[in-house]
Protein backbone atom coordinates (compact mmCIF):
# COMPACT_ATOMS: atom_id res chain seq x y z
CA MET A 1 -31.63 -71.22 17.25
CA ARG A 2 -30.22 -70.71 20.77
CA LEU A 3 -27.52 -73.00 22.09
CA MET A 4 -26.57 -72.94 25.76
CA SER A 5 -23.01 -71.88 26.40
CA GLN A 6 -21.03 -74.39 28.44
CA THR A 7 -18.50 -73.42 31.06
CA ILE A 8 -15.71 -75.76 30.07
CA THR A 9 -12.03 -75.71 29.43
CA GLN A 10 -12.33 -77.42 26.06
CA ARG A 11 -11.77 -75.47 22.87
CA ARG A 12 -14.97 -74.73 20.99
CA VAL A 13 -15.61 -75.20 17.28
CA TRP A 14 -18.62 -74.44 15.10
CA VAL A 15 -19.49 -77.01 12.45
CA PRO A 16 -22.38 -77.13 9.95
CA PHE A 17 -23.20 -80.83 10.32
CA GLY A 18 -24.29 -82.81 13.36
CA ARG A 19 -22.14 -85.75 12.25
CA SER A 20 -18.98 -83.63 12.54
CA ALA A 21 -19.94 -82.55 16.07
CA LYS A 22 -19.58 -86.13 17.31
CA ASP A 23 -16.44 -88.09 18.10
CA LEU A 24 -14.30 -84.97 18.13
CA PRO A 25 -10.61 -85.10 18.99
CA ALA A 26 -9.86 -84.75 22.67
CA GLY A 27 -9.95 -81.17 23.84
CA LEU A 28 -12.63 -79.96 21.39
CA VAL A 29 -16.35 -79.39 21.82
CA ALA A 30 -18.68 -78.42 18.99
CA ASP A 31 -21.85 -76.48 18.32
CA VAL A 32 -23.77 -77.11 15.10
CA PHE A 33 -24.29 -73.84 13.24
CA THR A 34 -26.07 -74.05 9.90
CA GLY A 35 -26.45 -70.31 9.56
CA VAL A 36 -30.09 -70.38 8.56
CA ASP A 37 -31.28 -68.48 11.65
CA ALA A 38 -28.26 -66.26 12.11
CA ASP A 39 -30.20 -63.04 11.41
CA ALA A 40 -33.18 -63.94 13.59
CA PRO A 41 -33.42 -62.75 17.22
CA GLY A 42 -31.49 -65.23 19.32
CA GLY A 43 -30.35 -67.00 16.19
CA VAL A 44 -26.62 -66.88 16.92
CA PRO A 45 -25.28 -69.39 19.46
CA ASP A 46 -24.23 -67.92 22.80
CA SER A 47 -20.84 -69.56 22.35
CA ILE A 48 -19.83 -67.04 19.70
CA ASP A 49 -17.44 -65.52 22.23
CA GLU A 50 -15.70 -68.88 22.71
CA VAL A 51 -15.42 -70.31 19.22
CA GLU A 52 -11.84 -70.85 17.98
CA PHE A 53 -12.46 -72.88 14.83
CA PHE A 54 -15.35 -71.92 12.50
CA VAL A 55 -16.40 -74.23 9.65
CA LEU A 56 -18.58 -71.98 7.52
CA PRO A 57 -21.74 -73.49 6.02
CA TYR A 58 -21.44 -74.39 2.35
CA SER A 59 -23.57 -71.69 0.72
CA PHE A 60 -22.23 -68.14 0.97
CA THR A 61 -25.79 -66.91 1.49
CA ASN A 62 -26.04 -68.71 4.84
CA ALA A 63 -22.37 -68.85 5.79
CA HIS A 64 -22.52 -65.45 7.51
CA PRO A 65 -18.79 -64.72 7.34
CA GLU A 66 -19.47 -61.36 8.99
CA LEU A 67 -19.85 -63.26 12.27
CA MET A 68 -16.08 -63.77 12.33
CA ALA A 69 -15.70 -60.16 13.45
CA ARG A 70 -17.68 -61.08 16.59
CA MET A 71 -15.45 -64.02 17.53
CA PRO A 72 -12.67 -62.67 19.79
CA ARG A 73 -11.02 -66.09 20.19
CA LEU A 74 -11.27 -67.17 16.55
CA LYS A 75 -8.09 -68.73 15.19
CA VAL A 76 -9.20 -70.68 12.09
CA ALA A 77 -11.97 -70.30 9.52
CA GLN A 78 -12.58 -73.26 7.20
CA THR A 79 -14.64 -72.87 4.04
CA LEU A 80 -16.39 -75.74 2.28
CA THR A 81 -15.68 -74.21 -1.11
CA ALA A 82 -12.56 -74.25 -3.24
CA GLY A 83 -13.07 -70.59 -4.12
CA TYR A 84 -12.45 -68.29 -1.18
CA GLU A 85 -12.30 -64.79 -2.66
CA ASN A 86 -15.71 -63.84 -1.21
CA TYR A 87 -14.52 -64.61 2.31
CA LEU A 88 -11.28 -62.64 2.33
CA PRO A 89 -12.81 -59.27 3.28
CA PHE A 90 -14.33 -60.83 6.40
CA VAL A 91 -11.26 -62.59 7.80
CA PRO A 92 -9.98 -60.74 10.91
CA GLU A 93 -6.30 -60.05 11.31
CA GLY A 94 -4.48 -63.03 12.79
CA VAL A 95 -7.09 -65.58 11.69
CA THR A 96 -6.07 -68.41 9.36
CA LEU A 97 -8.39 -69.11 6.41
CA CYS A 98 -8.42 -72.58 4.84
CA ASN A 99 -10.31 -73.56 1.70
CA ALA A 100 -11.69 -76.94 0.68
CA ARG A 101 -9.37 -77.81 -2.16
CA GLY A 102 -10.31 -81.22 -3.50
CA LEU A 103 -13.79 -81.31 -1.95
CA HIS A 104 -15.60 -80.53 -5.20
CA ASP A 105 -13.26 -82.28 -7.64
CA ALA A 106 -15.54 -85.22 -8.34
CA SER A 107 -18.82 -83.30 -8.56
CA THR A 108 -17.48 -80.42 -10.63
CA ALA A 109 -15.54 -82.68 -12.98
CA GLU A 110 -18.64 -84.81 -13.53
CA LEU A 111 -20.70 -81.72 -14.33
CA ALA A 112 -18.04 -80.38 -16.71
CA LEU A 113 -18.19 -83.64 -18.64
CA THR A 114 -21.99 -83.71 -18.46
CA LEU A 115 -22.26 -80.20 -19.87
CA THR A 116 -19.77 -81.01 -22.61
CA LEU A 117 -21.55 -84.16 -23.73
CA SER A 118 -25.02 -82.63 -23.39
CA ALA A 119 -24.14 -79.63 -25.53
CA LEU A 120 -22.34 -81.67 -28.18
CA ARG A 121 -25.04 -84.36 -28.41
CA ASN A 122 -27.92 -81.85 -28.49
CA ILE A 123 -29.53 -83.17 -25.30
CA PRO A 124 -31.42 -79.91 -24.50
CA ARG A 125 -33.13 -80.13 -27.90
CA TYR A 126 -34.25 -83.70 -27.26
CA VAL A 127 -35.53 -82.86 -23.78
CA ARG A 128 -37.70 -80.11 -25.24
CA ARG A 129 -39.01 -82.48 -27.91
CA GLN A 130 -39.73 -85.09 -25.23
CA ASP A 131 -42.01 -82.62 -23.47
CA ASP A 132 -44.04 -82.49 -26.68
CA GLY A 133 -43.92 -86.25 -27.28
CA ASP A 134 -42.04 -85.58 -30.52
CA TRP A 135 -39.70 -88.34 -31.80
CA ALA A 136 -37.28 -86.02 -33.56
CA PRO A 137 -33.74 -87.12 -34.40
CA ALA A 138 -31.59 -84.29 -35.68
CA TYR A 139 -31.46 -85.75 -39.18
CA ARG A 140 -35.26 -85.67 -39.47
CA ASP A 141 -35.08 -81.92 -40.10
CA ASP A 142 -31.85 -81.97 -42.09
CA ASP A 143 -30.45 -85.01 -43.90
CA THR A 144 -26.91 -83.79 -43.21
CA ALA A 145 -27.46 -83.01 -39.50
CA VAL A 146 -25.97 -85.35 -36.95
CA ASP A 147 -25.14 -84.80 -33.31
CA ASP A 148 -21.57 -83.84 -32.53
CA ALA A 149 -19.32 -86.45 -30.90
CA LEU A 150 -16.73 -85.82 -28.23
CA ALA A 151 -14.50 -88.45 -29.83
CA ASP A 152 -11.61 -87.05 -31.88
CA LYS A 153 -11.95 -83.60 -30.32
CA THR A 154 -9.21 -81.50 -28.77
CA VAL A 155 -10.15 -80.38 -25.26
CA LEU A 156 -8.36 -77.41 -23.68
CA ILE A 157 -8.54 -77.25 -19.87
CA VAL A 158 -7.83 -73.70 -18.66
CA GLY A 159 -6.90 -73.77 -14.98
CA TYR A 160 -5.23 -77.14 -14.63
CA GLY A 161 -5.29 -77.65 -10.91
CA SER A 162 -7.02 -80.18 -8.69
CA ILE A 163 -10.38 -80.00 -10.49
CA GLY A 164 -8.74 -79.66 -13.90
CA SER A 165 -6.86 -82.91 -13.42
CA ALA A 166 -10.07 -84.56 -12.21
CA ILE A 167 -11.76 -83.46 -15.43
CA GLU A 168 -8.96 -85.01 -17.48
CA ARG A 169 -9.28 -88.30 -15.61
CA ARG A 170 -12.95 -88.41 -16.57
CA LEU A 171 -12.11 -87.64 -20.19
CA ALA A 172 -9.97 -90.77 -20.36
CA GLY A 173 -11.56 -93.23 -22.75
CA PHE A 174 -13.35 -90.60 -24.82
CA GLU A 175 -10.60 -90.60 -27.45
CA VAL A 176 -9.74 -86.93 -27.12
CA GLU A 177 -6.53 -84.94 -27.09
CA VAL A 178 -6.15 -82.86 -23.93
CA LEU A 179 -4.29 -79.55 -23.74
CA ARG A 180 -3.60 -78.07 -20.31
CA VAL A 181 -3.01 -74.49 -19.17
CA ALA A 182 -2.21 -73.30 -15.66
CA ARG A 183 -0.80 -70.21 -14.02
CA THR A 184 2.62 -71.87 -13.85
CA ALA A 185 4.03 -74.08 -16.60
CA ARG A 186 5.23 -77.57 -15.75
CA GLU A 187 5.74 -80.82 -17.60
CA GLY A 188 2.75 -81.36 -19.87
CA VAL A 189 1.08 -78.12 -18.76
CA HIS A 190 1.35 -74.81 -20.62
CA ALA A 191 1.61 -71.42 -18.97
CA MET A 192 -1.15 -68.84 -19.36
CA GLU A 193 1.11 -66.99 -21.78
CA ASP A 194 0.55 -69.83 -24.27
CA LEU A 195 -3.25 -69.68 -24.09
CA GLN A 196 -3.81 -67.41 -27.06
CA ALA A 197 -1.84 -69.75 -29.32
CA LEU A 198 -3.70 -72.82 -28.05
CA LEU A 199 -7.26 -71.51 -28.38
CA PRO A 200 -7.54 -71.98 -32.17
CA GLN A 201 -6.59 -75.66 -31.75
CA ALA A 202 -9.39 -76.52 -29.31
CA ASP A 203 -12.84 -77.90 -30.11
CA VAL A 204 -13.85 -77.67 -26.43
CA VAL A 205 -12.50 -75.09 -23.96
CA ILE A 206 -13.23 -75.85 -20.29
CA MET A 207 -12.74 -72.96 -17.86
CA ILE A 208 -11.88 -73.92 -14.27
CA VAL A 209 -9.75 -70.97 -13.12
CA PRO A 210 -10.30 -69.21 -9.77
CA ALA A 211 -11.84 -65.74 -9.73
CA THR A 212 -8.95 -63.30 -9.34
CA ASP A 213 -8.06 -59.87 -10.66
CA GLN A 214 -6.12 -61.63 -13.41
CA THR A 215 -8.94 -63.96 -14.50
CA ARG A 216 -11.88 -61.58 -14.20
CA GLY A 217 -13.21 -60.99 -17.69
CA MET A 218 -10.45 -63.04 -19.32
CA VAL A 219 -12.95 -64.69 -21.69
CA ASP A 220 -13.60 -61.50 -23.62
CA GLU A 221 -14.18 -60.62 -27.26
CA ALA A 222 -10.56 -61.31 -28.20
CA PHE A 223 -10.49 -64.65 -26.37
CA LEU A 224 -13.71 -65.82 -28.04
CA ALA A 225 -12.58 -64.58 -31.44
CA ARG A 226 -9.56 -66.88 -31.28
CA MET A 227 -11.72 -69.95 -30.69
CA LYS A 228 -12.38 -71.98 -33.82
CA ASP A 229 -15.76 -71.89 -35.53
CA GLY A 230 -18.21 -74.30 -33.89
CA ALA A 231 -16.13 -74.66 -30.72
CA LEU A 232 -17.77 -75.16 -27.33
CA LEU A 233 -16.97 -73.07 -24.24
CA VAL A 234 -17.70 -74.80 -20.91
CA ASN A 235 -17.53 -72.62 -17.80
CA VAL A 236 -17.48 -74.37 -14.43
CA ALA A 237 -15.24 -71.71 -12.88
CA ARG A 238 -16.90 -68.41 -11.90
CA GLY A 239 -19.31 -66.30 -13.90
CA VAL A 240 -17.10 -63.20 -13.77
CA VAL A 241 -14.43 -65.03 -15.76
CA VAL A 242 -16.57 -64.60 -18.90
CA ARG A 243 -17.77 -61.33 -20.44
CA THR A 244 -21.46 -62.17 -20.75
CA GLU A 245 -22.29 -59.78 -23.59
CA ALA A 246 -19.36 -61.05 -25.64
CA LEU A 247 -20.51 -64.64 -25.14
CA ILE A 248 -24.09 -63.77 -26.10
CA ALA A 249 -22.89 -62.16 -29.32
CA GLU A 250 -20.82 -65.16 -30.41
CA CYS A 251 -23.46 -67.77 -29.53
CA ALA A 252 -26.34 -65.78 -31.02
CA SER A 253 -24.42 -65.60 -34.29
CA GLY A 254 -24.10 -69.38 -34.31
CA ARG A 255 -20.32 -69.31 -34.48
CA LEU A 256 -19.73 -70.67 -30.97
CA ARG A 257 -21.59 -72.80 -28.43
CA ALA A 258 -21.52 -72.55 -24.64
CA ALA A 259 -22.45 -74.66 -21.62
CA VAL A 260 -22.18 -72.77 -18.34
CA ASP A 261 -22.80 -73.62 -14.70
CA VAL A 262 -21.94 -70.08 -13.58
CA THR A 263 -23.01 -66.70 -14.92
CA ASP A 264 -22.44 -62.99 -14.53
CA PRO A 265 -24.71 -61.77 -13.01
CA GLU A 266 -25.58 -64.62 -10.67
CA PRO A 267 -28.24 -65.70 -10.00
CA LEU A 268 -29.18 -65.01 -13.60
CA PRO A 269 -32.33 -62.84 -13.50
CA ALA A 270 -35.49 -63.94 -15.24
CA GLY A 271 -35.66 -62.28 -18.64
CA HIS A 272 -31.90 -61.94 -19.03
CA ARG A 273 -30.81 -62.33 -22.64
CA LEU A 274 -28.52 -65.24 -21.84
CA TRP A 275 -31.52 -67.44 -21.00
CA SER A 276 -32.83 -67.22 -24.55
CA THR A 277 -29.55 -67.05 -26.45
CA PRO A 278 -29.29 -69.87 -29.03
CA ASN A 279 -26.54 -72.46 -28.56
CA VAL A 280 -26.29 -71.88 -24.79
CA LEU A 281 -26.92 -74.52 -22.10
CA ILE A 282 -27.25 -73.21 -18.52
CA THR A 283 -27.23 -74.99 -15.16
CA PRO A 284 -27.73 -72.93 -11.95
CA HIS A 285 -24.31 -73.24 -10.26
CA VAL A 286 -24.71 -76.85 -9.16
CA GLY A 287 -21.16 -78.02 -9.84
CA GLY A 288 -20.46 -78.96 -6.24
CA ALA A 289 -23.96 -79.98 -5.23
CA SER A 290 -24.15 -83.76 -5.50
CA THR A 291 -24.16 -86.78 -3.22
CA ALA A 292 -20.36 -86.72 -3.40
CA PHE A 293 -20.30 -83.51 -1.33
CA LEU A 294 -21.17 -84.61 2.22
CA PRO A 295 -18.77 -87.55 2.71
CA ARG A 296 -15.88 -85.50 1.33
CA ALA A 297 -16.82 -82.47 3.42
CA LEU A 298 -16.90 -84.59 6.57
CA ARG A 299 -13.48 -86.06 5.79
CA ILE A 300 -12.00 -82.58 5.37
CA ILE A 301 -13.58 -81.30 8.59
CA ASP A 302 -12.48 -84.35 10.57
CA GLU A 303 -8.89 -84.09 9.34
CA GLN A 304 -8.64 -80.33 9.95
CA LEU A 305 -10.06 -80.61 13.46
CA ARG A 306 -7.62 -83.43 14.23
CA ARG A 307 -4.73 -81.26 13.08
CA PHE A 308 -6.06 -78.28 15.02
CA ALA A 309 -6.45 -80.27 18.23
CA ASN A 310 -2.94 -81.70 17.91
CA GLY A 311 -1.29 -78.40 17.04
CA GLU A 312 -0.30 -79.65 13.58
CA GLU A 313 -0.02 -77.65 10.38
CA LEU A 314 -3.42 -77.17 8.73
CA ALA A 315 -4.14 -78.17 5.15
CA ASN A 316 -5.15 -75.78 2.37
CA VAL A 317 -4.18 -72.55 4.12
CA VAL A 318 -4.99 -69.69 1.74
CA ALA A 319 -4.74 -66.61 3.98
CA GLY A 320 -3.55 -65.56 7.42
């Protein structure tokens, strides 16, 4: 992909969608950079020397954050992810980094609830039986077996921020008790220091913390041991938050269940033990990938570019 550089006085931005390159605020001009050809000869737009505002493509694999080091006029980098830890090493000194807090609330909250209900109601088992054309309710094999209900459960949300509150809104009506834990205590929300005491009370534990030095590996043997027998762990945070071998041991024993959208390692290699561990449901990191993504991404880009053009304070500044 080769875009012709324009000799203009307007300030240049790179955006990943053609829609966001139109109807820009006065004073801005945009190139569409999807990143897919960035490593090919001539794949980087000529305007790299002019770009001041860089909206990185959604997937880290095609975002090419290393290009920021080649942008002498860069002032702002905007991610389309809530997590931003992978981008920090690439942000040049003096450049402001903004994340996309709120962009994935709806999609990730929906998936968290989907994983919870699917694991409790044994949906993976029924899907496998459907492939065989086998009408097989759980009680066919065991007169005492019934699918687990979400109703009357206690749900513990660990990382009660923007997405955590979106998850709770979607739990409304399911007749559950919700416990909340965040880095900082506030009314109705416990501090992380209370987590160990809360774990034995929860039937479902939903992880939605960011990946930091403090959260890496926090779901370890001791954490899992404090969860009640039969409890379900749902991870829609980052894979590194959970010690994979510890989770495999607990689920293989039948004491705990898990439903995870993220893994460590990721992508999860073919043949990895987690794939075949009983009582584990896996989706391939699709929490933010739904039809809700694009309209929300465009709204964030439009608002940030408006602020940038008008010299206003940017939203969701996380570094710089």
